[in-house]
N, C-alpha and C. Protein backbone atom coordinates (compact mmCIF):
# COMPACT_ATOMS: atom_id res chain seq x y z
N UNK A 1 8.22 15.07 -14.35
CA UNK A 1 6.78 15.03 -14.30
C UNK A 1 6.28 14.57 -15.67
N UNK A 2 5.28 13.70 -15.67
CA UNK A 2 4.73 13.15 -16.90
C UNK A 2 3.81 14.12 -17.61
N UNK A 3 3.27 15.09 -16.94
CA UNK A 3 2.35 16.04 -17.56
C UNK A 3 1.59 16.80 -16.49
N UNK A 4 0.79 17.74 -16.94
CA UNK A 4 0.00 18.54 -16.01
C UNK A 4 -1.09 17.68 -15.37
N UNK A 5 -1.44 17.96 -14.12
CA UNK A 5 -2.51 17.21 -13.47
C UNK A 5 -3.83 17.36 -14.22
N UNK A 6 -4.55 16.26 -14.34
CA UNK A 6 -5.86 16.28 -14.98
C UNK A 6 -6.89 16.62 -13.91
N UNK A 7 -7.64 17.67 -14.12
CA UNK A 7 -8.65 18.06 -13.13
C UNK A 7 -8.05 18.47 -11.80
N UNK A 8 -6.79 18.91 -11.81
CA UNK A 8 -6.16 19.35 -10.58
C UNK A 8 -5.69 18.23 -9.69
N UNK A 9 -5.58 17.02 -10.21
CA UNK A 9 -5.17 15.87 -9.39
C UNK A 9 -3.85 15.31 -9.91
N UNK A 10 -3.06 14.81 -8.98
CA UNK A 10 -1.82 14.13 -9.32
C UNK A 10 -1.92 12.72 -8.75
N UNK A 11 -1.73 11.73 -9.59
CA UNK A 11 -1.79 10.34 -9.14
C UNK A 11 -0.41 9.94 -8.65
N UNK A 12 -0.35 9.38 -7.44
CA UNK A 12 0.92 8.97 -6.86
C UNK A 12 0.81 7.52 -6.37
N UNK A 13 1.95 6.88 -6.28
CA UNK A 13 1.99 5.51 -5.78
C UNK A 13 3.39 5.17 -5.32
N UNK A 14 3.49 4.05 -4.64
CA UNK A 14 4.79 3.58 -4.19
C UNK A 14 5.37 2.59 -5.17
N UNK A 15 6.56 2.11 -4.89
CA UNK A 15 7.23 1.20 -5.82
C UNK A 15 6.67 -0.22 -5.83
N UNK A 16 5.73 -0.52 -4.93
CA UNK A 16 5.16 -1.86 -4.85
C UNK A 16 3.66 -1.82 -5.11
N UNK A 17 3.15 -2.90 -5.69
CA UNK A 17 1.71 -3.06 -5.83
C UNK A 17 1.28 -4.08 -4.79
N UNK A 18 0.49 -3.63 -3.80
CA UNK A 18 0.07 -4.50 -2.71
C UNK A 18 -1.43 -4.42 -2.52
N UNK A 19 -2.02 -5.54 -2.12
CA UNK A 19 -3.42 -5.55 -1.73
C UNK A 19 -3.54 -5.07 -0.29
N UNK A 20 -4.72 -4.65 0.10
CA UNK A 20 -4.95 -4.17 1.46
C UNK A 20 -4.63 -5.26 2.48
N UNK A 21 -4.91 -6.52 2.12
CA UNK A 21 -4.60 -7.60 3.05
C UNK A 21 -3.09 -7.70 3.29
N UNK A 22 -2.29 -7.50 2.27
CA UNK A 22 -0.83 -7.55 2.43
C UNK A 22 -0.34 -6.36 3.24
N UNK A 23 -0.94 -5.18 3.05
CA UNK A 23 -0.59 -4.03 3.89
C UNK A 23 -0.81 -4.38 5.35
N UNK A 24 -1.97 -4.98 5.64
CA UNK A 24 -2.29 -5.34 7.03
C UNK A 24 -1.31 -6.37 7.57
N UNK A 25 -0.97 -7.39 6.76
CA UNK A 25 -0.01 -8.41 7.22
C UNK A 25 1.33 -7.76 7.58
N UNK A 26 1.81 -6.87 6.73
CA UNK A 26 3.09 -6.22 6.98
C UNK A 26 3.01 -5.30 8.19
N UNK A 27 1.93 -4.56 8.32
CA UNK A 27 1.75 -3.71 9.50
C UNK A 27 1.77 -4.55 10.76
N UNK A 28 1.02 -5.65 10.77
CA UNK A 28 0.96 -6.51 11.94
C UNK A 28 2.33 -7.11 12.25
N UNK A 29 3.06 -7.55 11.24
CA UNK A 29 4.39 -8.12 11.45
C UNK A 29 5.34 -7.08 12.05
N UNK A 30 5.28 -5.87 11.55
CA UNK A 30 6.18 -4.82 12.02
C UNK A 30 5.83 -4.30 13.41
N UNK A 31 4.58 -4.43 13.80
CA UNK A 31 4.16 -3.92 15.11
C UNK A 31 4.01 -5.03 16.15
N UNK A 32 4.36 -6.26 15.77
CA UNK A 32 4.29 -7.36 16.73
C UNK A 32 2.89 -7.88 16.98
N UNK A 33 1.96 -7.59 16.10
CA UNK A 33 0.58 -8.04 16.24
C UNK A 33 0.49 -9.45 15.66
N UNK A 34 0.03 -10.42 16.45
CA UNK A 34 0.03 -11.82 15.99
C UNK A 34 -1.28 -12.26 15.34
N UNK A 35 -2.18 -11.31 15.07
CA UNK A 35 -3.43 -11.69 14.40
C UNK A 35 -3.15 -12.16 12.96
N UNK A 36 -3.99 -13.05 12.48
CA UNK A 36 -3.89 -13.56 11.12
C UNK A 36 -4.80 -12.75 10.21
N UNK A 37 -4.28 -12.34 9.06
CA UNK A 37 -5.07 -11.61 8.07
C UNK A 37 -5.44 -12.58 6.96
N UNK A 38 -6.73 -12.66 6.67
CA UNK A 38 -7.21 -13.53 5.61
C UNK A 38 -7.87 -12.66 4.55
N UNK A 39 -7.33 -12.69 3.33
CA UNK A 39 -7.90 -11.92 2.24
C UNK A 39 -9.18 -12.56 1.73
N UNK A 40 -10.12 -11.76 1.31
CA UNK A 40 -11.37 -12.25 0.75
C UNK A 40 -11.62 -11.55 -0.59
N UNK A 41 -11.35 -12.22 -1.70
CA UNK A 41 -11.50 -11.58 -3.01
C UNK A 41 -12.94 -11.20 -3.34
N UNK A 42 -13.91 -11.70 -2.59
CA UNK A 42 -15.31 -11.35 -2.84
C UNK A 42 -15.79 -10.14 -2.04
N UNK A 43 -14.90 -9.60 -1.19
CA UNK A 43 -15.27 -8.43 -0.40
C UNK A 43 -15.61 -7.27 -1.32
N UNK A 44 -16.66 -6.56 -0.98
CA UNK A 44 -17.09 -5.43 -1.79
C UNK A 44 -16.39 -4.16 -1.32
N UNK A 45 -16.03 -3.31 -2.25
CA UNK A 45 -15.36 -2.05 -1.98
C UNK A 45 -16.34 -0.94 -2.33
N UNK A 46 -16.89 -0.30 -1.31
CA UNK A 46 -17.93 0.72 -1.51
C UNK A 46 -19.04 0.20 -2.42
N UNK A 47 -19.45 -1.05 -2.16
CA UNK A 47 -20.57 -1.65 -2.88
C UNK A 47 -20.22 -2.34 -4.18
N UNK A 48 -18.97 -2.32 -4.59
CA UNK A 48 -18.57 -2.91 -5.86
C UNK A 48 -17.56 -4.03 -5.64
N UNK A 49 -17.73 -5.13 -6.34
CA UNK A 49 -16.74 -6.21 -6.31
C UNK A 49 -15.63 -5.83 -7.28
N UNK A 50 -14.40 -5.85 -6.80
CA UNK A 50 -13.25 -5.51 -7.64
C UNK A 50 -12.74 -6.76 -8.34
N UNK A 51 -12.30 -6.60 -9.58
CA UNK A 51 -11.78 -7.75 -10.32
C UNK A 51 -10.26 -7.74 -10.39
N UNK A 52 -9.64 -6.67 -9.95
CA UNK A 52 -8.19 -6.59 -9.92
C UNK A 52 -7.67 -5.39 -10.70
N UNK A 53 -6.82 -4.62 -10.06
CA UNK A 53 -6.20 -3.49 -10.72
C UNK A 53 -6.93 -2.17 -10.61
N UNK A 54 -8.16 -2.16 -10.11
CA UNK A 54 -8.92 -0.92 -10.05
C UNK A 54 -8.30 0.11 -9.09
N UNK A 55 -7.62 -0.35 -8.06
CA UNK A 55 -7.07 0.55 -7.06
C UNK A 55 -5.57 0.78 -7.22
N UNK A 56 -5.03 0.36 -8.35
CA UNK A 56 -3.61 0.57 -8.60
C UNK A 56 -3.43 1.77 -9.51
N UNK A 57 -2.23 2.28 -9.53
CA UNK A 57 -1.94 3.48 -10.32
C UNK A 57 -1.98 3.17 -11.82
N UNK A 58 -2.15 4.22 -12.59
CA UNK A 58 -2.16 4.06 -14.04
C UNK A 58 -0.90 4.69 -14.62
N UNK A 59 -0.73 4.56 -15.92
CA UNK A 59 0.42 5.15 -16.60
C UNK A 59 0.47 6.64 -16.33
N UNK A 60 1.66 7.16 -16.11
CA UNK A 60 1.83 8.58 -15.87
C UNK A 60 1.82 8.99 -14.41
N UNK A 61 1.58 8.04 -13.51
CA UNK A 61 1.57 8.36 -12.08
C UNK A 61 2.98 8.64 -11.59
N UNK A 62 3.08 9.43 -10.54
CA UNK A 62 4.37 9.69 -9.91
C UNK A 62 4.65 8.55 -8.93
N UNK A 63 5.79 7.90 -9.07
CA UNK A 63 6.13 6.75 -8.24
C UNK A 63 7.18 7.16 -7.21
N UNK A 64 6.85 6.98 -5.95
CA UNK A 64 7.79 7.28 -4.88
C UNK A 64 8.83 6.17 -4.75
N UNK A 65 9.93 6.48 -4.09
CA UNK A 65 11.02 5.52 -3.94
C UNK A 65 10.90 4.67 -2.67
N UNK A 66 10.11 5.13 -1.68
CA UNK A 66 10.04 4.44 -0.40
C UNK A 66 9.00 3.34 -0.43
N UNK A 67 9.39 2.12 -0.02
CA UNK A 67 8.43 1.02 0.02
C UNK A 67 7.61 1.09 1.32
N UNK A 68 6.58 0.28 1.39
CA UNK A 68 5.63 0.32 2.50
C UNK A 68 6.30 0.02 3.85
N UNK A 69 7.14 -1.02 3.90
CA UNK A 69 7.79 -1.38 5.16
C UNK A 69 8.67 -0.24 5.67
N UNK A 70 9.44 0.38 4.78
CA UNK A 70 10.30 1.48 5.17
C UNK A 70 9.46 2.66 5.66
N UNK A 71 8.36 2.94 4.97
CA UNK A 71 7.48 4.03 5.39
C UNK A 71 6.93 3.77 6.80
N UNK A 72 6.52 2.53 7.07
CA UNK A 72 5.99 2.21 8.40
C UNK A 72 7.02 2.49 9.48
N UNK A 73 8.26 2.07 9.25
CA UNK A 73 9.32 2.29 10.23
C UNK A 73 9.61 3.79 10.36
N UNK A 74 9.64 4.50 9.24
CA UNK A 74 9.88 5.95 9.25
C UNK A 74 8.81 6.67 10.05
N UNK A 75 7.59 6.19 9.97
CA UNK A 75 6.47 6.80 10.69
C UNK A 75 6.41 6.36 12.16
N UNK A 76 7.37 5.52 12.57
CA UNK A 76 7.41 5.08 13.95
C UNK A 76 6.47 3.93 14.25
N UNK A 77 5.96 3.27 13.21
CA UNK A 77 5.02 2.18 13.43
C UNK A 77 5.67 0.81 13.47
N UNK A 78 6.91 0.71 13.05
CA UNK A 78 7.61 -0.57 13.04
C UNK A 78 8.31 -0.82 14.35
N UNK A 79 8.56 -2.07 14.63
CA UNK A 79 9.31 -2.46 15.83
C UNK A 79 10.78 -2.39 15.47
N UNK A 80 11.60 -1.89 16.37
CA UNK A 80 13.03 -1.81 16.11
C UNK A 80 13.57 -3.18 15.71
N UNK A 81 14.31 -3.22 14.62
CA UNK A 81 14.88 -4.47 14.13
C UNK A 81 13.90 -5.28 13.31
N UNK A 82 12.73 -4.75 13.01
CA UNK A 82 11.73 -5.48 12.22
C UNK A 82 12.16 -5.62 10.78
N UNK A 83 11.40 -6.40 9.98
CA UNK A 83 11.77 -6.66 8.60
C UNK A 83 11.80 -5.43 7.71
N UNK A 84 11.17 -4.35 8.11
CA UNK A 84 11.17 -3.15 7.28
C UNK A 84 12.36 -2.24 7.51
N UNK A 85 13.20 -2.56 8.51
CA UNK A 85 14.35 -1.70 8.77
C UNK A 85 15.45 -1.99 7.78
N UNK A 86 16.05 -0.94 7.29
CA UNK A 86 17.10 -1.08 6.28
C UNK A 86 18.42 -0.67 6.87
């Protein structure tokens, strides 16, 4: 552990840095959904335009070992034999 939680919070993240659009692409690929995901860098997040990095973890966060694709399959959301299966 890097230190005591600040304000009672622990920051956690996975081993990959992904945008929401990439999460959706991977989810769709693993579940057989053929829709196309198009990222829009001008999309507002709760009224604010993000410039990059605001939603990623900071130094001292706890990093999990499981990547997004593996988590999807573990949760039963992936198709058997999909790219997230190890």
